[in-house]
Amino acid sequence: MANTKEDMTLEQCKAFIDDLRRLKVFQVNIGGGEPLLREDLFDILNYCHENSIVTCVSTNGTLIDDESARKFSRMPMLYIQVSLDGATPEVNALHRGKGSFERSIKGIELLNKYNFPNLSINSVVTRLNYHEIPDLYKMGTFYKAKTRLSRFRPSGSARGAWKELQLTRQQIMGLSDYLNRYKEVLTGDSFFSITAEDRKDLGLNMCGAAKMTCSVTPDGRVYPCAFLQEAEFYSGNILETSLETIWNTSPVFQMLRDLKVESCQSCPRFDICHGGCPAVAFFLRNELNCPDPECIYQVQLQERVA
């Protein structure tokens, strides 16, 4: 198992992009950490675009300066997602530290200055910022950005904060109602376990891990999902084995493709979410073959009992 802990070089990144082109991969999402810490980020983006691969950069926005904003604006195949976990400095600081709000907003304003068109503001919804969702939507409109909401997952360092930050039953139901009313608000596939049936046509209504997407770490390790980067889900390293081989032969990938949450088969909402997010289920119950703990159907049942 290769575990160099060193980021791939630019040449290794380009070789990987060549493989992605051959595999007809059409989009690459670059996250972190913080992507703008790589001095060759623009070289990587340009090489993706030259190979007809759309890119999306997830950033906290604090390192965007005038020069980078201008360069970004000249990339029509680029989407930028700025992470902001509060509509006010005080709430954002609870998640991202004091002063982070102002620095992120400055980055967003620079992107606006150069009329960058493909901008979204992403917020991880927790108990602490739930009440600011309408204001985050208004902020997105003001800055000509789409609003994107992400689920709070108990993976990585967030495991220790799960009990403190997880949504209450009432908040989950309120969020479900909000997403039903504001269909222009973007979400990921893991949200389908709590959204209404008429949202299922807006995207992939099941977990895409190992089916449509996978995660490659900066040092080349491959996992089925960015939220399943645990030793038991390690599937290979692209510096040793091609992604095509890993994708086609990994036992971990095959296991996730074959996963059918038995207790969800008879659920009236199964066609909407297909069991929800296995990463949340795994970290809370240490198994994959169980329903998403935040499934709106289960939450409604609990609410009736309470």
C-alpha atoms as a PDB file:
ATOM      1  CA  MET A   1       0.000   0.000   0.000  1.00  0.00           C
ATOM      2  CA  ALA A   2       1.615   3.207  -1.181  1.00  0.00           C
ATOM      3  CA  ASN A   3       1.281   5.867   1.464  1.00  0.00           C
ATOM      4  CA  THR A   4       3.816   8.532   0.618  1.00  0.00           C
ATOM      5  CA  LYS A   5       1.910  11.414   2.192  1.00  0.00           C
ATOM      6  CA  GLU A   6       3.535  13.621  -0.458  1.00  0.00           C
ATOM      7  CA  ASP A   7       1.421  15.386  -3.061  1.00  0.00           C
ATOM      8  CA  MET A   8       1.749  14.176  -6.616  1.00  0.00           C
ATOM      9  CA  THR A   9       4.038  16.256  -8.802  1.00  0.00           C
ATOM     10  CA  LEU A  10       2.681  18.285 -11.698  1.00  0.00           C
ATOM     11  CA  GLU A  11       3.915  15.668 -14.157  1.00  0.00           C
ATOM     12  CA  GLN A  12       2.201  12.901 -12.197  1.00  0.00           C
ATOM     13  CA  CYS A  13      -0.992  14.964 -12.158  1.00  0.00           C
ATOM     14  CA  LYS A  14      -0.783  15.434 -15.928  1.00  0.00           C
ATOM     15  CA  ALA A  15      -0.256  11.706 -16.480  1.00  0.00           C
ATOM     16  CA  PHE A  16      -3.323  11.049 -14.337  1.00  0.00           C
ATOM     17  CA  ILE A  17      -5.354  13.575 -16.330  1.00  0.00           C
ATOM     18  CA  ASP A  18      -4.269  11.756 -19.516  1.00  0.00           C
ATOM     19  CA  ASP A  19      -5.753   8.580 -18.006  1.00  0.00           C
ATOM     20  CA  LEU A  20      -8.948  10.418 -17.104  1.00  0.00           C
ATOM     21  CA  ARG A  21      -9.284  11.623 -20.695  1.00  0.00           C
ATOM     22  CA  ARG A  22      -8.911   8.064 -21.998  1.00  0.00           C
ATOM     23  CA  LEU A  23     -11.573   6.927 -19.523  1.00  0.00           C
ATOM     24  CA  LYS A  24     -13.882   9.689 -20.810  1.00  0.00           C
ATOM     25  CA  VAL A  25     -14.113  11.325 -17.378  1.00  0.00           C
ATOM     26  CA  PHE A  26     -15.918  14.625 -17.937  1.00  0.00           C
ATOM     27  CA  GLN A  27     -15.516  16.396 -14.587  1.00  0.00           C
ATOM     28  CA  VAL A  28     -12.940  16.609 -11.804  1.00  0.00           C
ATOM     29  CA  ASN A  29     -13.632  18.215  -8.434  1.00  0.00           C
ATOM     30  CA  ILE A  30     -10.569  19.566  -6.647  1.00  0.00           C
ATOM     31  CA  GLY A  31     -10.899  20.059  -2.911  1.00  0.00           C
ATOM     32  CA  GLY A  32      -8.690  20.012   0.112  1.00  0.00           C
ATOM     33  CA  GLY A  33      -7.382  21.056   2.447  1.00  0.00           C
ATOM     34  CA  GLU A  34      -7.091  24.168   0.347  1.00  0.00           C
ATOM     35  CA  PRO A  35      -6.427  23.799  -3.415  1.00  0.00           C
ATOM     36  CA  LEU A  36      -4.986  27.311  -3.762  1.00  0.00           C
ATOM     37  CA  LEU A  37      -2.006  26.267  -1.642  1.00  0.00           C
ATOM     38  CA  ARG A  38      -0.685  24.434  -4.727  1.00  0.00           C
ATOM     39  CA  GLU A  39       1.411  26.865  -6.750  1.00  0.00           C
ATOM     40  CA  ASP A  40       0.750  24.823  -9.891  1.00  0.00           C
ATOM     41  CA  LEU A  41      -3.051  24.780  -9.500  1.00  0.00           C
ATOM     42  CA  PHE A  42      -3.566  26.839 -12.650  1.00  0.00           C
ATOM     43  CA  ASP A  43      -1.337  24.473 -14.630  1.00  0.00           C
ATOM     44  CA  ILE A  44      -3.472  21.547 -13.454  1.00  0.00           C
ATOM     45  CA  LEU A  45      -6.711  23.357 -14.306  1.00  0.00           C
ATOM     46  CA  ASN A  46      -5.484  24.392 -17.739  1.00  0.00           C
ATOM     47  CA  TYR A  47      -4.363  20.853 -18.527  1.00  0.00           C
ATOM     48  CA  CYS A  48      -7.773  19.485 -17.532  1.00  0.00           C
ATOM     49  CA  HIS A  49      -9.510  22.032 -19.754  1.00  0.00           C
ATOM     50  CA  GLU A  50      -7.194  21.269 -22.672  1.00  0.00           C
ATOM     51  CA  ASN A  51      -8.367  17.665 -22.316  1.00  0.00           C
ATOM     52  CA  SER A  52     -12.060  18.670 -22.311  1.00  0.00           C
ATOM     53  CA  ILE A  53     -12.488  17.979 -18.593  1.00  0.00           C
ATOM     54  CA  VAL A  54     -14.662  20.393 -16.624  1.00  0.00           C
ATOM     55  CA  THR A  55     -13.241  21.342 -13.218  1.00  0.00           C
ATOM     56  CA  CYS A  56     -14.747  22.441  -9.940  1.00  0.00           C
ATOM     57  CA  VAL A  57     -12.542  23.948  -7.232  1.00  0.00           C
ATOM     58  CA  SER A  58     -13.792  23.886  -3.640  1.00  0.00           C
ATOM     59  CA  THR A  59     -12.034  26.591  -1.661  1.00  0.00           C
ATOM     60  CA  ASN A  60     -12.513  28.619   1.488  1.00  0.00           C
ATOM     61  CA  GLY A  61     -11.835  31.684  -0.659  1.00  0.00           C
ATOM     62  CA  THR A  62      -9.330  33.231   1.726  1.00  0.00           C
ATOM     63  CA  LEU A  63      -6.374  32.876  -0.669  1.00  0.00           C
ATOM     64  CA  ILE A  64      -8.127  34.354  -3.701  1.00  0.00           C
ATOM     65  CA  ASP A  65      -6.365  37.560  -4.659  1.00  0.00           C
ATOM     66  CA  ASP A  66      -6.818  39.963  -7.558  1.00  0.00           C
ATOM     67  CA  GLU A  67      -4.491  38.037  -9.867  1.00  0.00           C
ATOM     68  CA  SER A  68      -6.027  34.607  -9.209  1.00  0.00           C
ATOM     69  CA  ALA A  69      -9.575  35.985  -9.548  1.00  0.00           C
ATOM     70  CA  ARG A  70      -8.636  37.453 -12.936  1.00  0.00           C
ATOM     71  CA  LYS A  71      -7.133  34.133 -14.072  1.00  0.00           C
ATOM     72  CA  PHE A  72     -10.167  32.197 -12.882  1.00  0.00           C
ATOM     73  CA  SER A  73     -12.449  34.511 -14.860  1.00  0.00           C
ATOM     74  CA  ARG A  74     -10.703  33.439 -18.082  1.00  0.00           C
ATOM     75  CA  MET A  75     -11.591  29.770 -17.545  1.00  0.00           C
ATOM     76  CA  PRO A  76     -15.084  29.015 -18.913  1.00  0.00           C
ATOM     77  CA  MET A  77     -14.819  25.331 -17.977  1.00  0.00           C
ATOM     78  CA  LEU A  78     -14.197  26.111 -14.310  1.00  0.00           C
ATOM     79  CA  TYR A  79     -16.707  26.151 -11.458  1.00  0.00           C
ATOM     80  CA  ILE A  80     -15.764  27.545  -8.054  1.00  0.00           C
ATOM     81  CA  GLN A  81     -17.426  26.632  -4.791  1.00  0.00           C
ATOM     82  CA  VAL A  82     -16.594  28.855  -1.832  1.00  0.00           C
ATOM     83  CA  SER A  83     -17.223  27.356   1.606  1.00  0.00           C
ATOM     84  CA  LEU A  84     -19.037  29.624   4.033  1.00  0.00           C
ATOM     85  CA  ASP A  85     -20.770  28.154   7.072  1.00  0.00           C
ATOM     86  CA  GLY A  86     -22.621  31.213   8.260  1.00  0.00           C
ATOM     87  CA  ALA A  87     -24.311  34.327   6.940  1.00  0.00           C
ATOM     88  CA  THR A  88     -22.742  36.350   9.753  1.00  0.00           C
ATOM     89  CA  PRO A  89     -19.155  36.564  11.018  1.00  0.00           C
ATOM     90  CA  GLU A  90     -20.214  35.233  14.409  1.00  0.00           C
ATOM     91  CA  VAL A  91     -21.853  32.033  13.157  1.00  0.00           C
ATOM     92  CA  ASN A  92     -19.206  31.347  10.505  1.00  0.00           C
ATOM     93  CA  ALA A  93     -16.524  31.710  13.191  1.00  0.00           C
ATOM     94  CA  LEU A  94     -18.119  28.863  15.168  1.00  0.00           C
ATOM     95  CA  HIS A  95     -17.158  26.517  12.324  1.00  0.00           C
ATOM     96  CA  ARG A  96     -14.200  28.150  10.619  1.00  0.00           C
ATOM     97  CA  GLY A  97     -12.544  30.463  13.111  1.00  0.00           C
ATOM     98  CA  LYS A  98     -12.513  34.155  13.865  1.00  0.00           C
ATOM     99  CA  GLY A  99     -11.897  36.410  10.865  1.00  0.00           C
ATOM    100  CA  SER A 100     -12.643  33.686   8.320  1.00  0.00           C
ATOM    101  CA  PHE A 101     -15.930  35.268   7.222  1.00  0.00           C
ATOM    102  CA  GLU A 102     -14.354  38.536   6.154  1.00  0.00           C
ATOM    103  CA  ARG A 103     -11.529  36.811   4.258  1.00  0.00           C
ATOM    104  CA  SER A 104     -13.939  34.503   2.429  1.00  0.00           C
ATOM    105  CA  ILE A 105     -16.232  37.381   1.480  1.00  0.00           C
ATOM    106  CA  LYS A 106     -13.246  39.288   0.113  1.00  0.00           C
ATOM    107  CA  GLY A 107     -12.462  36.332  -2.158  1.00  0.00           C
ATOM    108  CA  ILE A 108     -16.078  36.187  -3.340  1.00  0.00           C
ATOM    109  CA  GLU A 109     -16.058  39.922  -4.049  1.00  0.00           C
ATOM    110  CA  LEU A 110     -12.902  39.585  -6.143  1.00  0.00           C
ATOM    111  CA  LEU A 111     -14.571  36.861  -8.208  1.00  0.00           C
ATOM    112  CA  ASN A 112     -17.529  39.219  -8.662  1.00  0.00           C
ATOM    113  CA  LYS A 113     -15.157  42.004  -9.695  1.00  0.00           C
ATOM    114  CA  TYR A 114     -14.049  39.939 -12.696  1.00  0.00           C
ATOM    115  CA  ASN A 115     -17.581  38.637 -13.372  1.00  0.00           C
ATOM    116  CA  PHE A 116     -16.703  35.015 -12.709  1.00  0.00           C
ATOM    117  CA  PRO A 117     -19.906  33.255 -13.847  1.00  0.00           C
ATOM    118  CA  ASN A 118     -19.862  29.769 -12.312  1.00  0.00           C
ATOM    119  CA  LEU A 119     -19.838  30.567  -8.611  1.00  0.00           C
ATOM    120  CA  SER A 120     -21.593  28.841  -5.737  1.00  0.00           C
ATOM    121  CA  ILE A 121     -21.482  29.347  -1.979  1.00  0.00           C
ATOM    122  CA  ASN A 122     -21.481  26.053  -0.087  1.00  0.00           C
ATOM    123  CA  SER A 123     -22.591  25.673   3.512  1.00  0.00           C
ATOM    124  CA  VAL A 124     -22.418  22.559   5.658  1.00  0.00           C
ATOM    125  CA  VAL A 125     -25.697  22.560   7.562  1.00  0.00           C
ATOM    126  CA  THR A 126     -25.367  22.047  11.305  1.00  0.00           C
ATOM    127  CA  ARG A 127     -27.400  22.790  14.401  1.00  0.00           C
ATOM    128  CA  LEU A 128     -25.488  26.066  14.774  1.00  0.00           C
ATOM    129  CA  ASN A 129     -26.154  27.602  11.347  1.00  0.00           C
ATOM    130  CA  TYR A 130     -29.495  26.007  10.441  1.00  0.00           C
ATOM    131  CA  HIS A 131     -31.368  29.213  11.260  1.00  0.00           C
ATOM    132  CA  GLU A 132     -29.227  31.183   8.793  1.00  0.00           C
ATOM    133  CA  ILE A 133     -30.104  29.148   5.693  1.00  0.00           C
ATOM    134  CA  PRO A 134     -32.537  31.805   4.333  1.00  0.00           C
ATOM    135  CA  ASP A 135     -29.887  34.500   4.829  1.00  0.00           C
ATOM    136  CA  LEU A 136     -27.248  32.357   3.119  1.00  0.00           C
ATOM    137  CA  TYR A 137     -29.604  32.082   0.158  1.00  0.00           C
ATOM    138  CA  LYS A 138     -30.033  35.870   0.093  1.00  0.00           C
ATOM    139  CA  MET A 139     -26.256  36.281   0.294  1.00  0.00           C
ATOM    140  CA  GLY A 140     -25.811  33.974  -2.667  1.00  0.00           C
ATOM    141  CA  THR A 141     -28.291  36.015  -4.696  1.00  0.00           C
ATOM    142  CA  PHE A 142     -26.479  39.227  -3.764  1.00  0.00           C
ATOM    143  CA  TYR A 143     -23.126  37.836  -4.907  1.00  0.00           C
ATOM    144  CA  LYS A 144     -24.559  36.245  -8.086  1.00  0.00           C
ATOM    145  CA  ALA A 145     -23.775  32.804  -6.717  1.00  0.00           C
ATOM    146  CA  LYS A 146     -25.822  29.644  -6.463  1.00  0.00           C
ATOM    147  CA  THR A 147     -26.549  28.385  -2.970  1.00  0.00           C
ATOM    148  CA  ARG A 148     -25.336  24.873  -2.198  1.00  0.00           C
ATOM    149  CA  LEU A 149     -26.051  23.031   1.034  1.00  0.00           C
ATOM    150  CA  SER A 150     -24.016  20.041   2.184  1.00  0.00           C
ATOM    151  CA  ARG A 151     -24.841  17.534   4.870  1.00  0.00           C
ATOM    152  CA  PHE A 152     -22.796  17.424   8.013  1.00  0.00           C
ATOM    153  CA  ARG A 153     -21.192  13.976   8.120  1.00  0.00           C
ATOM    154  CA  PRO A 154     -19.496  12.396  11.151  1.00  0.00           C
ATOM    155  CA  SER A 155     -16.277  11.587   9.286  1.00  0.00           C
ATOM    156  CA  GLY A 156     -12.726  12.704   9.990  1.00  0.00           C
ATOM    157  CA  SER A 157     -12.413  15.361  12.669  1.00  0.00           C
ATOM    158  CA  ALA A 158     -16.189  15.922  12.566  1.00  0.00           C
ATOM    159  CA  ARG A 159     -16.773  12.630  14.364  1.00  0.00           C
ATOM    160  CA  GLY A 160     -16.000  14.186  17.704  1.00  0.00           C
ATOM    161  CA  ALA A 161     -18.448  17.035  17.114  1.00  0.00           C
ATOM    162  CA  TRP A 162     -21.338  14.957  15.773  1.00  0.00           C
ATOM    163  CA  LYS A 163     -23.501  14.990  18.903  1.00  0.00           C
ATOM    164  CA  GLU A 164     -22.996  18.710  19.313  1.00  0.00           C
ATOM    165  CA  LEU A 165     -23.618  19.726  15.691  1.00  0.00           C
ATOM    166  CA  GLN A 166     -26.018  17.168  14.221  1.00  0.00           C
ATOM    167  CA  LEU A 167     -29.444  18.497  13.269  1.00  0.00           C
ATOM    168  CA  THR A 168     -32.394  17.888  15.567  1.00  0.00           C
ATOM    169  CA  ARG A 169     -35.407  15.969  14.270  1.00  0.00           C
ATOM    170  CA  GLN A 170     -37.319  19.225  13.916  1.00  0.00           C
ATOM    171  CA  GLN A 171     -34.460  20.816  11.972  1.00  0.00           C
ATOM    172  CA  ILE A 172     -34.222  17.840   9.593  1.00  0.00           C
ATOM    173  CA  MET A 173     -37.929  18.132   8.837  1.00  0.00           C
ATOM    174  CA  GLY A 174     -37.604  21.900   8.430  1.00  0.00           C
ATOM    175  CA  LEU A 175     -34.656  21.487   6.075  1.00  0.00           C
ATOM    176  CA  SER A 176     -36.612  18.946   4.031  1.00  0.00           C
ATOM    177  CA  ASP A 177     -39.453  21.429   3.695  1.00  0.00           C
ATOM    178  CA  TYR A 178     -37.060  24.232   2.735  1.00  0.00           C
ATOM    179  CA  LEU A 179     -35.395  22.166   0.002  1.00  0.00           C
ATOM    180  CA  ASN A 180     -38.809  21.238  -1.344  1.00  0.00           C
ATOM    181  CA  ARG A 181     -39.746  24.919  -1.639  1.00  0.00           C
ATOM    182  CA  TYR A 182     -36.390  26.117  -3.039  1.00  0.00           C
ATOM    183  CA  LYS A 183     -35.505  23.635  -5.751  1.00  0.00           C
ATOM    184  CA  GLU A 184     -32.851  25.972  -7.146  1.00  0.00           C
ATOM    185  CA  VAL A 185     -30.767  25.306  -4.024  1.00  0.00           C
ATOM    186  CA  LEU A 186     -28.095  22.742  -4.917  1.00  0.00           C
ATOM    187  CA  THR A 187     -27.379  19.649  -2.842  1.00  0.00           C
ATOM    188  CA  GLY A 188     -25.418  16.412  -3.125  1.00  0.00           C
ATOM    189  CA  ASP A 189     -26.865  12.946  -3.613  1.00  0.00           C
ATOM    190  CA  SER A 190     -26.613  12.231   0.125  1.00  0.00           C
ATOM    191  CA  PHE A 191     -29.449  14.716   0.683  1.00  0.00           C
ATOM    192  CA  PHE A 192     -32.060  12.612  -1.088  1.00  0.00           C
ATOM    193  CA  SER A 193     -32.786  10.688   2.098  1.00  0.00           C
ATOM    194  CA  ILE A 194     -34.377  13.816   3.562  1.00  0.00           C
ATOM    195  CA  THR A 195     -35.850  15.534   0.494  1.00  0.00           C
ATOM    196  CA  ALA A 196     -39.229  15.330  -1.202  1.00  0.00           C
ATOM    197  CA  GLU A 197     -40.002  13.021  -4.105  1.00  0.00           C
ATOM    198  CA  ASP A 198     -40.245  15.823  -6.635  1.00  0.00           C
ATOM    199  CA  ARG A 199     -36.550  16.699  -6.095  1.00  0.00           C
ATOM    200  CA  LYS A 200     -35.301  13.303  -7.203  1.00  0.00           C
ATOM    201  CA  ASP A 201     -35.120  14.379 -10.854  1.00  0.00           C
ATOM    202  CA  LEU A 202     -32.658  17.152  -9.998  1.00  0.00           C
ATOM    203  CA  GLY A 203     -29.675  14.830  -9.787  1.00  0.00           C
ATOM    204  CA  LEU A 204     -28.425  11.390  -8.872  1.00  0.00           C
ATOM    205  CA  ASN A 205     -30.982  10.008  -6.425  1.00  0.00           C
ATOM    206  CA  MET A 206     -28.632   7.490  -4.858  1.00  0.00           C
ATOM    207  CA  CYS A 207     -25.114   7.325  -3.491  1.00  0.00           C
ATOM    208  CA  GLY A 208     -22.709   7.786  -6.415  1.00  0.00           C
ATOM    209  CA  ALA A 209     -19.660   6.298  -4.677  1.00  0.00           C
ATOM    210  CA  ALA A 210     -17.987   3.619  -6.846  1.00  0.00           C
ATOM    211  CA  LYS A 211     -20.817   3.975  -9.363  1.00  0.00           C
ATOM    212  CA  MET A 212     -20.191   7.415 -10.830  1.00  0.00           C
ATOM    213  CA  THR A 213     -17.569   8.940  -8.571  1.00  0.00           C
ATOM    214  CA  CYS A 214     -14.528   8.115  -6.475  1.00  0.00           C
ATOM    215  CA  SER A 215     -11.945   9.996  -4.452  1.00  0.00           C
ATOM    216  CA  VAL A 216      -8.214  10.295  -5.170  1.00  0.00           C
ATOM    217  CA  THR A 217      -6.060  11.795  -2.429  1.00  0.00           C
ATOM    218  CA  PRO A 218      -3.170  14.201  -3.186  1.00  0.00           C
ATOM    219  CA  ASP A 219      -0.696  11.318  -2.892  1.00  0.00           C
ATOM    220  CA  GLY A 220      -2.644   9.043  -5.248  1.00  0.00           C
ATOM    221  CA  ARG A 221      -4.619   6.805  -2.890  1.00  0.00           C
ATOM    222  CA  VAL A 222      -8.067   5.823  -4.154  1.00  0.00           C
ATOM    223  CA  TYR A 223     -11.226   5.513  -2.069  1.00  0.00           C
ATOM    224  CA  PRO A 224     -14.849   5.160  -3.158  1.00  0.00           C
ATOM    225  CA  CYS A 225     -15.829   8.431  -1.512  1.00  0.00           C
ATOM    226  CA  ALA A 226     -14.186  11.450   0.082  1.00  0.00           C
ATOM    227  CA  PHE A 227     -16.088  10.584   3.272  1.00  0.00           C
ATOM    228  CA  LEU A 228     -14.946   6.956   3.341  1.00  0.00           C
ATOM    229  CA  GLN A 229     -11.200   7.493   3.524  1.00  0.00           C
ATOM    230  CA  GLU A 230     -10.668   4.804   6.129  1.00  0.00           C
ATOM    231  CA  ALA A 231      -8.199   1.911   5.884  1.00  0.00           C
ATOM    232  CA  GLU A 232     -10.945  -0.629   5.164  1.00  0.00           C
ATOM    233  CA  PHE A 233     -12.023   1.329   2.072  1.00  0.00           C
ATOM    234  CA  TYR A 234      -8.553   1.783   0.560  1.00  0.00           C
ATOM    235  CA  SER A 235      -8.699   0.522  -3.035  1.00  0.00           C
ATOM    236  CA  GLY A 236      -5.252   1.162  -4.520  1.00  0.00           C
ATOM    237  CA  ASN A 237      -2.918   3.937  -5.603  1.00  0.00           C
ATOM    238  CA  ILE A 238      -2.893   5.470  -9.087  1.00  0.00           C
ATOM    239  CA  LEU A 239       0.907   5.801  -8.906  1.00  0.00           C
ATOM    240  CA  GLU A 240       1.046   1.995  -8.893  1.00  0.00           C
ATOM    241  CA  THR A 241      -2.161   0.875 -10.612  1.00  0.00           C
ATOM    242  CA  SER A 242      -4.277   2.623 -13.231  1.00  0.00           C
ATOM    243  CA  LEU A 243      -7.581   4.094 -12.121  1.00  0.00           C
ATOM    244  CA  GLU A 244      -9.287   1.972 -14.762  1.00  0.00           C
ATOM    245  CA  THR A 245      -7.974  -1.217 -13.151  1.00  0.00           C
ATOM    246  CA  ILE A 246      -8.888  -0.027  -9.660  1.00  0.00           C
ATOM    247  CA  TRP A 247     -12.361   1.009 -10.832  1.00  0.00           C
ATOM    248  CA  ASN A 248     -13.006  -2.340 -12.527  1.00  0.00           C
ATOM    249  CA  THR A 249     -11.416  -4.753 -10.049  1.00  0.00           C
ATOM    250  CA  SER A 250     -11.495  -3.226  -6.564  1.00  0.00           C
ATOM    251  CA  PRO A 251     -13.385  -5.511  -4.131  1.00  0.00           C
ATOM    252  CA  VAL A 252     -14.349  -2.404  -2.127  1.00  0.00           C
ATOM    253  CA  PHE A 253     -15.897  -0.749  -5.179  1.00  0.00           C
ATOM    254  CA  GLN A 254     -17.745  -3.931  -6.088  1.00  0.00           C
ATOM    255  CA  MET A 255     -19.046  -4.295  -2.553  1.00  0.00           C
ATOM    256  CA  LEU A 256     -20.544  -0.785  -2.653  1.00  0.00           C
ATOM    257  CA  ARG A 257     -22.075  -1.383  -6.067  1.00  0.00           C
ATOM    258  CA  ASP A 258     -23.738  -4.534  -4.772  1.00  0.00           C
ATOM    259  CA  LEU A 259     -24.860  -2.930  -1.506  1.00  0.00           C
ATOM    260  CA  LYS A 260     -28.590  -3.142  -0.961  1.00  0.00           C
ATOM    261  CA  VAL A 261     -29.819  -1.943   2.397  1.00  0.00           C
ATOM    262  CA  GLU A 262     -32.250  -4.740   3.203  1.00  0.00           C
ATOM    263  CA  SER A 263     -34.281  -2.782   5.724  1.00  0.00           C
ATOM    264  CA  CYS A 264     -34.919  -0.073   3.117  1.00  0.00           C
ATOM    265  CA  GLN A 265     -36.299  -2.340   0.373  1.00  0.00           C
ATOM    266  CA  SER A 266     -39.905  -2.040   1.559  1.00  0.00           C
ATOM    267  CA  CYS A 267     -39.690   1.656   2.474  1.00  0.00           C
ATOM    268  CA  PRO A 268     -42.121   3.840   0.475  1.00  0.00           C
ATOM    269  CA  ARG A 269     -39.271   6.301  -0.135  1.00  0.00           C
ATOM    270  CA  PHE A 270     -36.776   3.733  -1.458  1.00  0.00           C
ATOM    271  CA  ASP A 271     -36.990   4.990  -5.053  1.00  0.00           C
ATOM    272  CA  ILE A 272     -36.072   8.466  -3.832  1.00  0.00           C
ATOM    273  CA  CYS A 273     -32.868   7.745  -1.927  1.00  0.00           C
ATOM    274  CA  HIS A 274     -31.986   4.013  -2.237  1.00  0.00           C
ATOM    275  CA  GLY A 275     -30.842   3.900   1.369  1.00  0.00           C
ATOM    276  CA  GLY A 276     -29.242   7.343   1.605  1.00  0.00           C
ATOM    277  CA  CYS A 277     -25.620   7.968   2.535  1.00  0.00           C
ATOM    278  CA  PRO A 278     -23.649   4.840   3.556  1.00  0.00           C
ATOM    279  CA  ALA A 279     -20.844   7.017   4.962  1.00  0.00           C
ATOM    280  CA  VAL A 280     -23.134   8.449   7.644  1.00  0.00           C
ATOM    281  CA  ALA A 281     -24.443   4.969   8.423  1.00  0.00           C
ATOM    282  CA  PHE A 282     -20.924   3.550   8.650  1.00  0.00           C
ATOM    283  CA  PHE A 283     -19.526   6.151  11.015  1.00  0.00           C
ATOM    284  CA  LEU A 284     -22.519   6.053  13.333  1.00  0.00           C
ATOM    285  CA  ARG A 285     -23.171   2.305  13.340  1.00  0.00           C
ATOM    286  CA  ASN A 286     -19.928   0.827  12.013  1.00  0.00           C
ATOM    287  CA  GLU A 287     -21.720  -0.985   9.207  1.00  0.00           C
ATOM    288  CA  LEU A 288     -22.921  -0.153   5.720  1.00  0.00           C
ATOM    289  CA  ASN A 289     -25.981  -2.351   5.469  1.00  0.00           C
ATOM    290  CA  CYS A 290     -28.269  -0.086   7.465  1.00  0.00           C
ATOM    291  CA  PRO A 291     -30.482   2.899   6.650  1.00  0.00           C
ATOM    292  CA  ASP A 292     -29.213   6.444   6.624  1.00  0.00           C
ATOM    293  CA  PRO A 293     -29.797   7.562  10.265  1.00  0.00           C
ATOM    294  CA  GLU A 294     -31.167  10.913   9.054  1.00  0.00           C
ATOM    295  CA  CYS A 295     -33.720   9.422   6.638  1.00  0.00           C
ATOM    296  CA  ILE A 296     -36.769  11.702   6.771  1.00  0.00           C
ATOM    297  CA  TYR A 297     -39.095   8.682   6.911  1.00  0.00           C
ATOM    298  CA  GLN A 298     -37.423   7.404  10.074  1.00  0.00           C
ATOM    299  CA  VAL A 299     -37.290  10.921  11.528  1.00  0.00           C
ATOM    300  CA  GLN A 300     -41.041  11.354  10.966  1.00  0.00           C
ATOM    301  CA  LEU A 301     -41.732   8.023  12.644  1.00  0.00           C
ATOM    302  CA  GLN A 302     -39.619   9.038  15.649  1.00  0.00           C
ATOM    303  CA  GLU A 303     -41.428  12.361  15.840  1.00  0.00           C
ATOM    304  CA  ARG A 304     -44.815  10.625  15.953  1.00  0.00           C
ATOM    305  CA  VAL A 305     -43.629   8.322  18.724  1.00  0.00           C
ATOM    306  CA  ALA A 306     -42.206  11.234  20.693  1.00  0.00           C
END
